[in-house]
Amino acid sequence: MSDFKPTDTKLRVSDEPEGVPFVITPQTLAELSIITSVTRYGMLDILFKVREVGFYEDAEKASEVLTIHAEPVRVLGLTDIIKSKKAVDRDKDRATMLILEALQKKRQKRSRTAQPD
């Protein structure tokens, strides 16, 4: 992903599955609270404030680092993603809750079995 450029990003809208071009500028960022986009790597949502978590500094404290295409990427922790999606309570979020909660249980089980007695 080291070759990712902001110009690769298109704004995701419901009636345009491929997205529509837009330019990321300081003014654009100041006017938006969320950017829902599509990139050549897939969908990417950028939230400037996460419900039940807070702003960037709060989210950073609750984040974890994943390796994606050999690059470290900081993402919101699974517990806080679940908490936020429950608070938002949209149909599309409820549809993914079973998957996210199952993943969380799997992680917790793996964590418990990895710890010595």
PDB file of N, CA and C in Angstrom:
ATOM      1  N   MET A   1       0.809  -1.189   0.000  1.00  0.00           N
ATOM      2  CA  MET A   1       0.000   0.000   0.000  1.00  0.00           C
ATOM      3  C   MET A   1       0.853   1.254   0.000  1.00  0.00           C
ATOM      4  N   SER A   2       2.151   1.110  -0.054  1.00  0.00           N
ATOM      5  CA  SER A   2       2.998   2.288  -0.047  1.00  0.00           C
ATOM      6  C   SER A   2       2.805   3.130  -1.305  1.00  0.00           C
ATOM      7  N   ASP A   3       2.173   2.552  -2.328  1.00  0.00           N
ATOM      8  CA  ASP A   3       1.910   3.316  -3.543  1.00  0.00           C
ATOM      9  C   ASP A   3       0.537   3.974  -3.533  1.00  0.00           C
ATOM     10  N   PHE A   4      -0.177   3.933  -2.393  1.00  0.00           N
ATOM     11  CA  PHE A   4      -1.485   4.564  -2.280  1.00  0.00           C
ATOM     12  C   PHE A   4      -1.337   6.082  -2.290  1.00  0.00           C
ATOM     13  N   LYS A   5      -2.181   6.742  -3.072  1.00  0.00           N
ATOM     14  CA  LYS A   5      -2.170   8.201  -3.144  1.00  0.00           C
ATOM     15  C   LYS A   5      -3.585   8.710  -2.883  1.00  0.00           C
ATOM     16  N   PRO A   6      -3.742   9.878  -2.251  1.00  0.00           N
ATOM     17  CA  PRO A   6      -5.083  10.429  -2.043  1.00  0.00           C
ATOM     18  C   PRO A   6      -5.886  10.557  -3.333  1.00  0.00           C
ATOM     19  N   THR A   7      -5.198  10.729  -4.458  1.00  0.00           N
ATOM     20  CA  THR A   7      -5.915  10.843  -5.733  1.00  0.00           C
ATOM     21  C   THR A   7      -6.527   9.523  -6.170  1.00  0.00           C
ATOM     22  N   ASP A   8      -6.132   8.413  -5.530  1.00  0.00           N
ATOM     23  CA  ASP A   8      -6.717   7.104  -5.827  1.00  0.00           C
ATOM     24  C   ASP A   8      -8.098   6.956  -5.190  1.00  0.00           C
ATOM     25  N   THR A   9      -8.490   7.892  -4.350  1.00  0.00           N
ATOM     26  CA  THR A   9      -9.710   7.783  -3.566  1.00  0.00           C
ATOM     27  C   THR A   9     -10.872   8.443  -4.288  1.00  0.00           C
ATOM     28  N   LYS A  10     -12.016   7.749  -4.293  1.00  0.00           N
ATOM     29  CA  LYS A  10     -13.242   8.309  -4.857  1.00  0.00           C
ATOM     30  C   LYS A  10     -14.293   8.311  -3.764  1.00  0.00           C
ATOM     31  N   LEU A  11     -15.144   9.312  -3.777  1.00  0.00           N
ATOM     32  CA  LEU A  11     -16.221   9.422  -2.809  1.00  0.00           C
ATOM     33  C   LEU A  11     -17.247   8.325  -3.088  1.00  0.00           C
ATOM     34  N   ARG A  12     -17.611   7.574  -2.056  1.00  0.00           N
ATOM     35  CA  ARG A  12     -18.572   6.482  -2.207  1.00  0.00           C
ATOM     36  C   ARG A  12     -19.987   7.041  -2.038  1.00  0.00           C
ATOM     37  N   VAL A  13     -20.811   6.851  -3.053  1.00  0.00           N
ATOM     38  CA  VAL A  13     -22.211   7.267  -3.004  1.00  0.00           C
ATOM     39  C   VAL A  13     -23.083   6.104  -3.445  1.00  0.00           C
ATOM     40  N   SER A  14     -24.323   6.076  -2.949  1.00  0.00           N
ATOM     41  CA  SER A  14     -25.177   4.899  -3.142  1.00  0.00           C
ATOM     42  C   SER A  14     -25.473   4.583  -4.599  1.00  0.00           C
ATOM     43  N   ASP A  15     -25.625   5.582  -5.451  1.00  0.00           N
ATOM     44  CA  ASP A  15     -25.999   5.292  -6.838  1.00  0.00           C
ATOM     45  C   ASP A  15     -24.806   5.228  -7.795  1.00  0.00           C
ATOM     46  N   GLU A  16     -23.583   5.298  -7.258  1.00  0.00           N
ATOM     47  CA  GLU A  16     -22.367   5.186  -8.063  1.00  0.00           C
ATOM     48  C   GLU A  16     -21.415   4.186  -7.408  1.00  0.00           C
ATOM     49  N   PRO A  17     -21.570   2.884  -7.697  1.00  0.00           N
ATOM     50  CA  PRO A  17     -20.753   1.872  -7.008  1.00  0.00           C
ATOM     51  C   PRO A  17     -19.250   2.041  -7.191  1.00  0.00           C
ATOM     52  N   GLU A  18     -18.821   2.656  -8.276  1.00  0.00           N
ATOM     53  CA  GLU A  18     -17.388   2.888  -8.496  1.00  0.00           C
ATOM     54  C   GLU A  18     -16.905   4.158  -7.819  1.00  0.00           C
ATOM     55  N   GLY A  19     -17.839   4.944  -7.257  1.00  0.00           N
ATOM     56  CA  GLY A  19     -17.481   6.192  -6.597  1.00  0.00           C
ATOM     57  C   GLY A  19     -17.365   7.345  -7.571  1.00  0.00           C
ATOM     58  N   VAL A  20     -17.286   8.540  -7.017  1.00  0.00           N
ATOM     59  CA  VAL A  20     -17.107   9.737  -7.837  1.00  0.00           C
ATOM     60  C   VAL A  20     -15.836  10.442  -7.377  1.00  0.00           C
ATOM     61  N   PRO A  21     -15.068  10.988  -8.328  1.00  0.00           N
ATOM     62  CA  PRO A  21     -13.813  11.647  -7.959  1.00  0.00           C
ATOM     63  C   PRO A  21     -14.049  12.846  -7.043  1.00  0.00           C
ATOM     64  N   PHE A  22     -13.135  13.061  -6.128  1.00  0.00           N
ATOM     65  CA  PHE A  22     -13.134  14.270  -5.320  1.00  0.00           C
ATOM     66  C   PHE A  22     -11.711  14.557  -4.888  1.00  0.00           C
ATOM     67  N   VAL A  23     -11.469  15.797  -4.582  1.00  0.00           N
ATOM     68  CA  VAL A  23     -10.123  16.227  -4.215  1.00  0.00           C
ATOM     69  C   VAL A  23     -10.073  16.455  -2.713  1.00  0.00           C
ATOM     70  N   ILE A  24      -9.094  15.856  -2.078  1.00  0.00           N
ATOM     71  CA  ILE A  24      -8.906  16.047  -0.644  1.00  0.00           C
ATOM     72  C   ILE A  24      -8.037  17.296  -0.448  1.00  0.00           C
ATOM     73  N   THR A  25      -8.631  18.286   0.178  1.00  0.00           N
ATOM     74  CA  THR A  25      -7.923  19.527   0.480  1.00  0.00           C
ATOM     75  C   THR A  25      -8.144  19.855   1.955  1.00  0.00           C
ATOM     76  N   PRO A  26      -7.380  20.753   2.526  1.00  0.00           N
ATOM     77  CA  PRO A  26      -7.650  21.155   3.913  1.00  0.00           C
ATOM     78  C   PRO A  26      -9.089  21.662   4.088  1.00  0.00           C
ATOM     79  N   GLN A  27      -9.600  22.400   3.107  1.00  0.00           N
ATOM     80  CA  GLN A  27     -10.973  22.917   3.203  1.00  0.00           C
ATOM     81  C   GLN A  27     -11.980  21.763   3.177  1.00  0.00           C
ATOM     82  N   THR A  28     -11.764  20.797   2.297  1.00  0.00           N
ATOM     83  CA  THR A  28     -12.648  19.630   2.235  1.00  0.00           C
ATOM     84  C   THR A  28     -12.664  18.926   3.585  1.00  0.00           C
ATOM     85  N   LEU A  29     -11.505  18.703   4.145  1.00  0.00           N
ATOM     86  CA  LEU A  29     -11.417  18.005   5.423  1.00  0.00           C
ATOM     87  C   LEU A  29     -12.092  18.794   6.543  1.00  0.00           C
ATOM     88  N   ALA A  30     -11.986  20.116   6.515  1.00  0.00           N
ATOM     89  CA  ALA A  30     -12.588  20.947   7.554  1.00  0.00           C
ATOM     90  C   ALA A  30     -14.114  20.924   7.491  1.00  0.00           C
ATOM     91  N   GLU A  31     -14.671  20.671   6.314  1.00  0.00           N
ATOM     92  CA  GLU A  31     -16.121  20.712   6.126  1.00  0.00           C
ATOM     93  C   GLU A  31     -16.809  19.373   6.357  1.00  0.00           C
ATOM     94  N   LEU A  32     -16.065  18.293   6.432  1.00  0.00           N
ATOM     95  CA  LEU A  32     -16.663  16.962   6.524  1.00  0.00           C
ATOM     96  C   LEU A  32     -16.491  16.362   7.912  1.00  0.00           C
ATOM     97  N   SER A  33     -17.424  15.498   8.298  1.00  0.00           N
ATOM     98  CA  SER A  33     -17.272  14.757   9.545  1.00  0.00           C
ATOM     99  C   SER A  33     -16.938  13.293   9.262  1.00  0.00           C
ATOM    100  N   ILE A  34     -17.197  12.860   8.028  1.00  0.00           N
ATOM    101  CA  ILE A  34     -16.869  11.498   7.612  1.00  0.00           C
ATOM    102  C   ILE A  34     -16.626  11.493   6.107  1.00  0.00           C
ATOM    103  N   ILE A  35     -15.679  10.709   5.680  1.00  0.00           N
ATOM    104  CA  ILE A  35     -15.453  10.489   4.255  1.00  0.00           C
ATOM    105  C   ILE A  35     -15.671   9.002   4.016  1.00  0.00           C
ATOM    106  N   THR A  36     -16.659   8.688   3.213  1.00  0.00           N
ATOM    107  CA  THR A  36     -16.891   7.302   2.815  1.00  0.00           C
ATOM    108  C   THR A  36     -16.392   7.185   1.380  1.00  0.00           C
ATOM    109  N   SER A  37     -15.357   6.404   1.203  1.00  0.00           N
ATOM    110  CA  SER A  37     -14.712   6.375  -0.104  1.00  0.00           C
ATOM    111  C   SER A  37     -14.476   4.950  -0.574  1.00  0.00           C
ATOM    112  N   VAL A  38     -14.101   4.870  -1.834  1.00  0.00           N
ATOM    113  CA  VAL A  38     -13.708   3.601  -2.425  1.00  0.00           C
ATOM    114  C   VAL A  38     -12.347   3.824  -3.076  1.00  0.00           C
ATOM    115  N   THR A  39     -11.443   2.873  -2.844  1.00  0.00           N
ATOM    116  CA  THR A  39     -10.101   2.952  -3.409  1.00  0.00           C
ATOM    117  C   THR A  39      -9.868   1.683  -4.212  1.00  0.00           C
ATOM    118  N   ARG A  40      -8.758   1.615  -4.872  1.00  0.00           N
ATOM    119  CA  ARG A  40      -8.467   0.382  -5.621  1.00  0.00           C
ATOM    120  C   ARG A  40      -8.238  -0.796  -4.672  1.00  0.00           C
ATOM    121  N   TYR A  41      -8.037  -0.506  -3.381  1.00  0.00           N
ATOM    122  CA  TYR A  41      -7.852  -1.557  -2.387  1.00  0.00           C
ATOM    123  C   TYR A  41      -9.159  -1.958  -1.710  1.00  0.00           C
ATOM    124  N   GLY A  42     -10.231  -1.202  -1.936  1.00  0.00           N
ATOM    125  CA  GLY A  42     -11.518  -1.493  -1.318  1.00  0.00           C
ATOM    126  C   GLY A  42     -12.096  -0.249  -0.663  1.00  0.00           C
ATOM    127  N   MET A  43     -13.135  -0.458   0.146  1.00  0.00           N
ATOM    128  CA  MET A  43     -13.801   0.662   0.801  1.00  0.00           C
ATOM    129  C   MET A  43     -12.959   1.193   1.948  1.00  0.00           C
ATOM    130  N   LEU A  44     -13.007   2.505   2.128  1.00  0.00           N
ATOM    131  CA  LEU A  44     -12.263   3.167   3.188  1.00  0.00           C
ATOM    132  C   LEU A  44     -13.133   4.271   3.760  1.00  0.00           C
ATOM    133  N   ASP A  45     -13.432   4.188   5.046  1.00  0.00           N
ATOM    134  CA  ASP A  45     -14.186   5.227   5.736  1.00  0.00           C
ATOM    135  C   ASP A  45     -13.245   5.953   6.686  1.00  0.00           C
ATOM    136  N   ILE A  46     -13.266   7.268   6.620  1.00  0.00           N
ATOM    137  CA  ILE A  46     -12.461   8.099   7.510  1.00  0.00           C
ATOM    138  C   ILE A  46     -13.429   8.912   8.344  1.00  0.00           C
ATOM    139  N   LEU A  47     -13.400   8.683   9.655  1.00  0.00           N
ATOM    140  CA  LEU A  47     -14.274   9.404  10.570  1.00  0.00           C
ATOM    141  C   LEU A  47     -13.443  10.381  11.375  1.00  0.00           C
ATOM    142  N   PHE A  48     -13.933  11.594  11.499  1.00  0.00           N
ATOM    143  CA  PHE A  48     -13.215  12.601  12.267  1.00  0.00           C
ATOM    144  C   PHE A  48     -13.617  12.566  13.735  1.00  0.00           C
ATOM    145  N   LYS A  49     -14.754  11.977  14.009  1.00  0.00           N
ATOM    146  CA  LYS A  49     -15.185  11.717  15.377  1.00  0.00           C
ATOM    147  C   LYS A  49     -15.953  10.404  15.360  1.00  0.00           C
ATOM    148  N   VAL A  50     -15.621   9.521  16.273  1.00  0.00           N
ATOM    149  CA  VAL A  50     -16.264   8.213  16.343  1.00  0.00           C
ATOM    150  C   VAL A  50     -17.210   8.210  17.539  1.00  0.00           C
ATOM    151  N   ARG A  51     -18.478   7.941  17.276  1.00  0.00           N
ATOM    152  CA  ARG A  51     -19.457   7.922  18.355  1.00  0.00           C
ATOM    153  C   ARG A  51     -19.055   6.899  19.405  1.00  0.00           C
ATOM    154  N   GLU A  52     -19.187   7.275  20.657  1.00  0.00           N
ATOM    155  CA  GLU A  52     -18.841   6.471  21.831  1.00  0.00           C
ATOM    156  C   GLU A  52     -17.336   6.319  22.045  1.00  0.00           C
ATOM    157  N   VAL A  53     -16.516   6.912  21.167  1.00  0.00           N
ATOM    158  CA  VAL A  53     -15.061   6.843  21.339  1.00  0.00           C
ATOM    159  C   VAL A  53     -14.491   8.252  21.481  1.00  0.00           C
ATOM    160  N   GLY A  54     -14.815   9.126  20.553  1.00  0.00           N
ATOM    161  CA  GLY A  54     -14.338  10.501  20.607  1.00  0.00           C
ATOM    162  C   GLY A  54     -13.603  10.898  19.350  1.00  0.00           C
ATOM    163  N   PHE A  55     -12.716  11.877  19.507  1.00  0.00           N
ATOM    164  CA  PHE A  55     -11.938  12.390  18.383  1.00  0.00           C
ATOM    165  C   PHE A  55     -10.682  11.545  18.184  1.00  0.00           C
ATOM    166  N   TYR A  56      -9.834  11.969  17.260  1.00  0.00           N
ATOM    167  CA  TYR A  56      -8.662  11.195  16.861  1.00  0.00           C
ATOM    168  C   TYR A  56      -7.805  10.767  18.050  1.00  0.00           C
ATOM    169  N   GLU A  57      -7.510  11.693  18.943  1.00  0.00           N
ATOM    170  CA  GLU A  57      -6.626  11.373  20.068  1.00  0.00           C
ATOM    171  C   GLU A  57      -7.201  10.240  20.917  1.00  0.00           C
ATOM    172  N   ASP A  58      -8.528  10.259  21.119  1.00  0.00           N
ATOM    173  CA  ASP A  58      -9.178   9.192  21.888  1.00  0.00           C
ATOM    174  C   ASP A  58      -9.140   7.873  21.123  1.00  0.00           C
ATOM    175  N   ALA A  59      -9.426   7.957  19.835  1.00  0.00           N
ATOM    176  CA  ALA A  59      -9.419   6.748  19.003  1.00  0.00           C
ATOM    177  C   ALA A  59      -8.017   6.155  18.905  1.00  0.00           C
ATOM    178  N   GLU A  60      -7.011   7.021  18.844  1.00  0.00           N
ATOM    179  CA  GLU A  60      -5.637   6.528  18.760  1.00  0.00           C
ATOM    180  C   GLU A  60      -5.268   5.715  19.998  1.00  0.00           C
ATOM    181  N   LYS A  61      -5.720   6.175  21.168  1.00  0.00           N
ATOM    182  CA  LYS A  61      -5.447   5.434  22.414  1.00  0.00           C
ATOM    183  C   LYS A  61      -6.093   4.054  22.389  1.00  0.00           C
ATOM    184  N   ALA A  62      -7.228   3.942  21.691  1.00  0.00           N
ATOM    185  CA  ALA A  62      -7.973   2.686  21.643  1.00  0.00           C
ATOM    186  C   ALA A  62      -7.672   1.889  20.370  1.00  0.00           C
ATOM    187  N   SER A  63      -6.584   2.244  19.698  1.00  0.00           N
ATOM    188  CA  SER A  63      -6.306   1.608  18.407  1.00  0.00           C
ATOM    189  C   SER A  63      -5.327   0.447  18.546  1.00  0.00           C
ATOM    190  N   GLU A  64      -5.194  -0.267  17.459  1.00  0.00           N
ATOM    191  CA  GLU A  64      -4.214  -1.346  17.365  1.00  0.00           C
ATOM    192  C   GLU A  64      -3.568  -1.262  15.991  1.00  0.00           C
ATOM    193  N   VAL A  65      -2.423  -1.858  15.860  1.00  0.00           N
ATOM    194  CA  VAL A  65      -1.712  -1.824  14.582  1.00  0.00           C
ATOM    195  C   VAL A  65      -1.845  -3.179  13.908  1.00  0.00           C
ATOM    196  N   LEU A  66      -2.340  -3.145  12.666  1.00  0.00           N
ATOM    197  CA  LEU A  66      -2.421  -4.340  11.840  1.00  0.00           C
ATOM    198  C   LEU A  66      -1.410  -4.207  10.715  1.00  0.00           C
ATOM    199  N   THR A  67      -0.966  -5.318  10.185  1.00  0.00           N
ATOM    200  CA  THR A  67      -0.085  -5.292   9.028  1.00  0.00           C
ATOM    201  C   THR A  67      -0.912  -5.631   7.804  1.00  0.00           C
ATOM    202  N   ILE A  68      -0.962  -4.692   6.871  1.00  0.00           N
ATOM    203  CA  ILE A  68      -1.729  -4.877   5.642  1.00  0.00           C
ATOM    204  C   ILE A  68      -0.776  -4.647   4.477  1.00  0.00           C
ATOM    205  N   HIS A  69      -0.616  -5.654   3.630  1.00  0.00           N
ATOM    206  CA  HIS A  69       0.338  -5.587   2.518  1.00  0.00           C
ATOM    207  C   HIS A  69       1.722  -5.174   3.015  1.00  0.00           C
ATOM    208  N   ALA A  70       2.139  -5.783   4.105  1.00  0.00           N
ATOM    209  CA  ALA A  70       3.466  -5.561   4.712  1.00  0.00           C
ATOM    210  C   ALA A  70       3.659  -4.147   5.251  1.00  0.00           C
ATOM    211  N   GLU A  71       2.579  -3.415   5.418  1.00  0.00           N
ATOM    212  CA  GLU A  71       2.659  -2.055   5.958  1.00  0.00           C
ATOM    213  C   GLU A  71       1.890  -1.985   7.274  1.00  0.00           C
ATOM    214  N   PRO A  72       2.440  -1.336   8.302  1.00  0.00           N
ATOM    215  CA  PRO A  72       1.694  -1.163   9.547  1.00  0.00           C
ATOM    216  C   PRO A  72       0.578  -0.128   9.352  1.00  0.00           C
ATOM    217  N   VAL A  73      -0.632  -0.487   9.772  1.00  0.00           N
ATOM    218  CA  VAL A  73      -1.789   0.397   9.650  1.00  0.00           C
ATOM    219  C   VAL A  73      -2.481   0.452  11.000  1.00  0.00           C
ATOM    220  N   ARG A  74      -2.653   1.645  11.534  1.00  0.00           N
ATOM    221  CA  ARG A  74      -3.327   1.823  12.822  1.00  0.00           C
ATOM    222  C   ARG A  74      -4.834   1.877  12.572  1.00  0.00           C
ATOM    223  N   VAL A  75      -5.585   1.032  13.293  1.00  0.00           N
ATOM    224  CA  VAL A  75      -7.044   0.965  13.152  1.00  0.00           C
ATOM    225  C   VAL A  75      -7.675   0.993  14.538  1.00  0.00           C
ATOM    226  N   LEU A  76      -8.920   1.397  14.575  1.00  0.00           N
ATOM    227  CA  LEU A  76      -9.650   1.404  15.835  1.00  0.00           C
ATOM    228  C   LEU A  76      -9.780  -0.026  16.337  1.00  0.00           C
ATOM    229  N   GLY A  77      -9.621  -0.227  17.632  1.00  0.00           N
ATOM    230  CA  GLY A  77      -9.731  -1.556  18.214  1.00  0.00           C
ATOM    231  C   GLY A  77     -11.127  -2.139  18.051  1.00  0.00           C
ATOM    232  N   LEU A  78     -11.212  -3.440  17.977  1.00  0.00           N
ATOM    233  CA  LEU A  78     -12.468  -4.136  17.721  1.00  0.00           C
ATOM    234  C   LEU A  78     -13.531  -3.819  18.774  1.00  0.00           C
ATOM    235  N   THR A  79     -13.162  -3.750  20.029  1.00  0.00           N
ATOM    236  CA  THR A  79     -14.127  -3.441  21.087  1.00  0.00           C
ATOM    237  C   THR A  79     -14.787  -2.090  20.842  1.00  0.00           C
ATOM    238  N   ASP A  80     -13.985  -1.095  20.446  1.00  0.00           N
ATOM    239  CA  ASP A  80     -14.545   0.230  20.202  1.00  0.00           C
ATOM    240  C   ASP A  80     -15.325   0.310  18.890  1.00  0.00           C
ATOM    241  N   ILE A  81     -14.940  -0.471  17.900  1.00  0.00           N
ATOM    242  CA  ILE A  81     -15.739  -0.528  16.671  1.00  0.00           C
ATOM    243  C   ILE A  81     -17.134  -1.053  17.012  1.00  0.00           C
ATOM    244  N   ILE A  82     -17.190  -2.120  17.789  1.00  0.00           N
ATOM    245  CA  ILE A  82     -18.476  -2.706  18.182  1.00  0.00           C
ATOM    246  C   ILE A  82     -19.288  -1.697  18.994  1.00  0.00           C
ATOM    247  N   LYS A  83     -18.653  -1.045  19.948  1.00  0.00           N
ATOM    248  CA  LYS A  83     -19.337  -0.056  20.786  1.00  0.00           C
ATOM    249  C   LYS A  83     -19.921   1.072  19.923  1.00  0.00           C
ATOM    250  N   SER A  84     -19.150   1.545  18.968  1.00  0.00           N
ATOM    251  CA  SER A  84     -19.598   2.627  18.105  1.00  0.00           C
ATOM    252  C   SER A  84     -20.740   2.193  17.197  1.00  0.00           C
ATOM    253  N   LYS A  85     -20.617   1.011  16.614  1.00  0.00           N
ATOM    254  CA  LYS A  85     -21.676   0.518  15.732  1.00  0.00           C
ATOM    255  C   LYS A  85     -22.980   0.298  16.491  1.00  0.00           C
ATOM    256  N   LYS A  86     -22.887  -0.175  17.718  1.00  0.00           N
ATOM    257  CA  LYS A  86     -24.096  -0.327  18.534  1.00  0.00           C
ATOM    258  C   LYS A  86     -24.740   1.034  18.800  1.00  0.00           C
ATOM    259  N   ALA A  87     -23.949   2.043  19.049  1.00  0.00           N
ATOM    260  CA  ALA A  87     -24.472   3.384  19.332  1.00  0.00           C
ATOM    261  C   ALA A  87     -25.130   3.999  18.101  1.00  0.00           C
ATOM    262  N   VAL A  88     -24.538   3.779  16.927  1.00  0.00           N
ATOM    263  CA  VAL A  88     -25.088   4.333  15.689  1.00  0.00           C
ATOM    264  C   VAL A  88     -26.384   3.625  15.320  1.00  0.00           C
ATOM    265  N   ASP A  89     -26.397   2.307  15.470  1.00  0.00           N
ATOM    266  CA  ASP A  89     -27.600   1.484  15.304  1.00  0.00           C
ATOM    267  C   ASP A  89     -28.264   1.622  13.930  1.00  0.00           C
ATOM    268  N   ARG A  90     -27.462   1.570  12.875  1.00  0.00           N
ATOM    269  CA  ARG A  90     -27.999   1.562  11.514  1.00  0.00           C
ATOM    270  C   ARG A  90     -28.194   0.123  11.067  1.00  0.00           C
ATOM    271  N   ASP A  91     -29.069  -0.084  10.089  1.00  0.00           N
ATOM    272  CA  ASP A  91     -29.311  -1.435   9.571  1.00  0.00           C
ATOM    273  C   ASP A  91     -28.014  -2.099   9.126  1.00  0.00           C
ATOM    274  N   LYS A  92     -27.181  -1.360   8.381  1.00  0.00           N
ATOM    275  CA  LYS A  92     -25.949  -1.966   7.871  1.00  0.00           C
ATOM    276  C   LYS A  92     -24.983  -2.306   9.003  1.00  0.00           C
ATOM    277  N   ASP A  93     -25.032  -1.549  10.105  1.00  0.00           N
ATOM    278  CA  ASP A  93     -24.170  -1.866  11.243  1.00  0.00           C
ATOM    279  C   ASP A  93     -24.691  -3.085  12.002  1.00  0.00           C
ATOM    280  N   ARG A  94     -25.994  -3.162  12.160  1.00  0.00           N
ATOM    281  CA  ARG A  94     -26.577  -4.337  12.835  1.00  0.00           C
ATOM    282  C   ARG A  94     -26.278  -5.600  12.046  1.00  0.00           C
ATOM    283  N   ALA A  95     -26.254  -5.480  10.720  1.00  0.00           N
ATOM    284  CA  ALA A  95     -25.982  -6.647   9.873  1.00  0.00           C
ATOM    285  C   ALA A  95     -24.578  -7.201  10.088  1.00  0.00           C
ATOM    286  N   THR A  96     -23.632  -6.346  10.469  1.00  0.00           N
ATOM    287  CA  THR A  96     -22.256  -6.812  10.669  1.00  0.00           C
ATOM    288  C   THR A  96     -21.945  -7.161  12.121  1.00  0.00           C
ATOM    289  N   MET A  97     -22.845  -6.828  13.036  1.00  0.00           N
ATOM    290  CA  MET A  97     -22.574  -7.042  14.462  1.00  0.00           C
ATOM    291  C   MET A  97     -22.299  -8.508  14.801  1.00  0.00           C
ATOM    292  N   LEU A  98     -23.052  -9.418  14.218  1.00  0.00           N
ATOM    293  CA  LEU A  98     -22.821 -10.839  14.514  1.00  0.00           C
ATOM    294  C   LEU A  98     -21.404 -11.258  14.122  1.00  0.00           C
ATOM    295  N   ILE A  99     -20.944 -10.778  12.999  1.00  0.00           N
ATOM    296  CA  ILE A  99     -19.595 -11.116  12.536  1.00  0.00           C
ATOM    297  C   ILE A  99     -18.544 -10.511  13.465  1.00  0.00           C
ATOM    298  N   LEU A 100     -18.715  -9.232  13.799  1.00  0.00           N
ATOM    299  CA  LEU A 100     -17.744  -8.562  14.665  1.00  0.00           C
ATOM    300  C   LEU A 100     -17.710  -9.176  16.061  1.00  0.00           C
ATOM    301  N   GLU A 101     -18.881  -9.481  16.602  1.00  0.00           N
ATOM    302  CA  GLU A 101     -18.920 -10.081  17.940  1.00  0.00           C
ATOM    303  C   GLU A 101     -18.352 -11.498  17.932  1.00  0.00           C
ATOM    304  N   ALA A 102     -18.581 -12.243  16.851  1.00  0.00           N
ATOM    305  CA  ALA A 102     -17.987 -13.584  16.737  1.00  0.00           C
ATOM    306  C   ALA A 102     -16.462 -13.488  16.657  1.00  0.00           C
ATOM    307  N   LEU A 103     -15.965 -12.517  15.917  1.00  0.00           N
ATOM    308  CA  LEU A 103     -14.519 -12.298  15.830  1.00  0.00           C
ATOM    309  C   LEU A 103     -13.955 -11.929  17.195  1.00  0.00           C
ATOM    310  N   GLN A 104     -14.669 -11.084  17.925  1.00  0.00           N
ATOM    311  CA  GLN A 104     -14.221 -10.686  19.257  1.00  0.00           C
ATOM    312  C   GLN A 104     -14.159 -11.902  20.188  1.00  0.00           C
ATOM    313  N   LYS A 105     -15.169 -12.746  20.158  1.00  0.00           N
ATOM    314  CA  LYS A 105     -15.169 -13.955  20.997  1.00  0.00           C
ATOM    315  C   LYS A 105     -14.017 -14.881  20.620  1.00  0.00           C
ATOM    316  N   LYS A 106     -13.762 -15.007  19.326  1.00  0.00           N
ATOM    317  CA  LYS A 106     -12.660 -15.857  18.860  1.00  0.00           C
ATOM    318  C   LYS A 106     -11.324 -15.319  19.366  1.00  0.00           C
ATOM    319  N   ARG A 107     -11.149 -14.002  19.300  1.00  0.00           N
ATOM    320  CA  ARG A 107      -9.918 -13.389  19.805  1.00  0.00           C
ATOM    321  C   ARG A 107      -9.766 -13.603  21.307  1.00  0.00           C
ATOM    322  N   GLN A 108     -10.867 -13.427  22.050  1.00  0.00           N
ATOM    323  CA  GLN A 108     -10.824 -13.604  23.497  1.00  0.00           C
ATOM    324  C   GLN A 108     -10.489 -15.050  23.850  1.00  0.00           C
ATOM    325  N   LYS A 109     -11.073 -15.988  23.134  1.00  0.00           N
ATOM    326  CA  LYS A 109     -10.809 -17.409  23.386  1.00  0.00           C
ATOM    327  C   LYS A 109      -9.345 -17.723  23.088  1.00  0.00           C
ATOM    328  N   ARG A 110      -8.839 -17.212  21.974  1.00  0.00           N
ATOM    329  CA  ARG A 110      -7.439 -17.437  21.601  1.00  0.00           C
ATOM    330  C   ARG A 110      -6.501 -16.830  22.651  1.00  0.00           C
ATOM    331  N   SER A 111      -6.879 -15.658  23.150  1.00  0.00           N
ATOM    332  CA  SER A 111      -6.074 -14.988  24.164  1.00  0.00           C
ATOM    333  C   SER A 111      -6.030 -15.797  25.466  1.00  0.00           C
ATOM    334  N   ARG A 112      -7.190 -16.345  25.857  1.00  0.00           N
ATOM    335  CA  ARG A 112      -7.252 -17.142  27.082  1.00  0.00           C
ATOM    336  C   ARG A 112      -6.459 -18.430  26.962  1.00  0.00           C
ATOM    337  N   THR A 113      -6.498 -19.073  25.804  1.00  0.00           N
ATOM    338  CA  THR A 113      -5.774 -20.338  25.626  1.00  0.00           C
ATOM    339  C   THR A 113      -4.279 -20.111  25.481  1.00  0.00           C
ATOM    340  N   ALA A 114      -3.883 -18.904  25.099  1.00  0.00           N
ATOM    341  CA  ALA A 114      -2.450 -18.600  24.960  1.00  0.00           C
ATOM    342  C   ALA A 114      -1.790 -18.285  26.283  1.00  0.00           C
ATOM    343  N   GLN A 115      -2.605 -17.950  27.308  1.00  0.00           N
ATOM    344  CA  GLN A 115      -2.046 -17.600  28.615  1.00  0.00           C
ATOM    345  C   GLN A 115      -1.804 -18.878  29.435  1.00  0.00           C
ATOM    346  N   PRO A 116      -0.629 -18.957  30.071  1.00  0.00           N
ATOM    347  CA  PRO A 116      -0.347 -20.136  30.898  1.00  0.00           C
ATOM    348  C   PRO A 116      -1.211 -20.125  32.158  1.00  0.00           C
ATOM    349  N   ASP A 117      -1.518 -21.291  32.666  1.00  0.00           N
ATOM    350  CA  ASP A 117      -2.331 -21.416  33.891  1.00  0.00           C
ATOM    351  C   ASP A 117      -1.543 -21.113  35.127  1.00  0.00           C
TER     352      ASP A 117
END
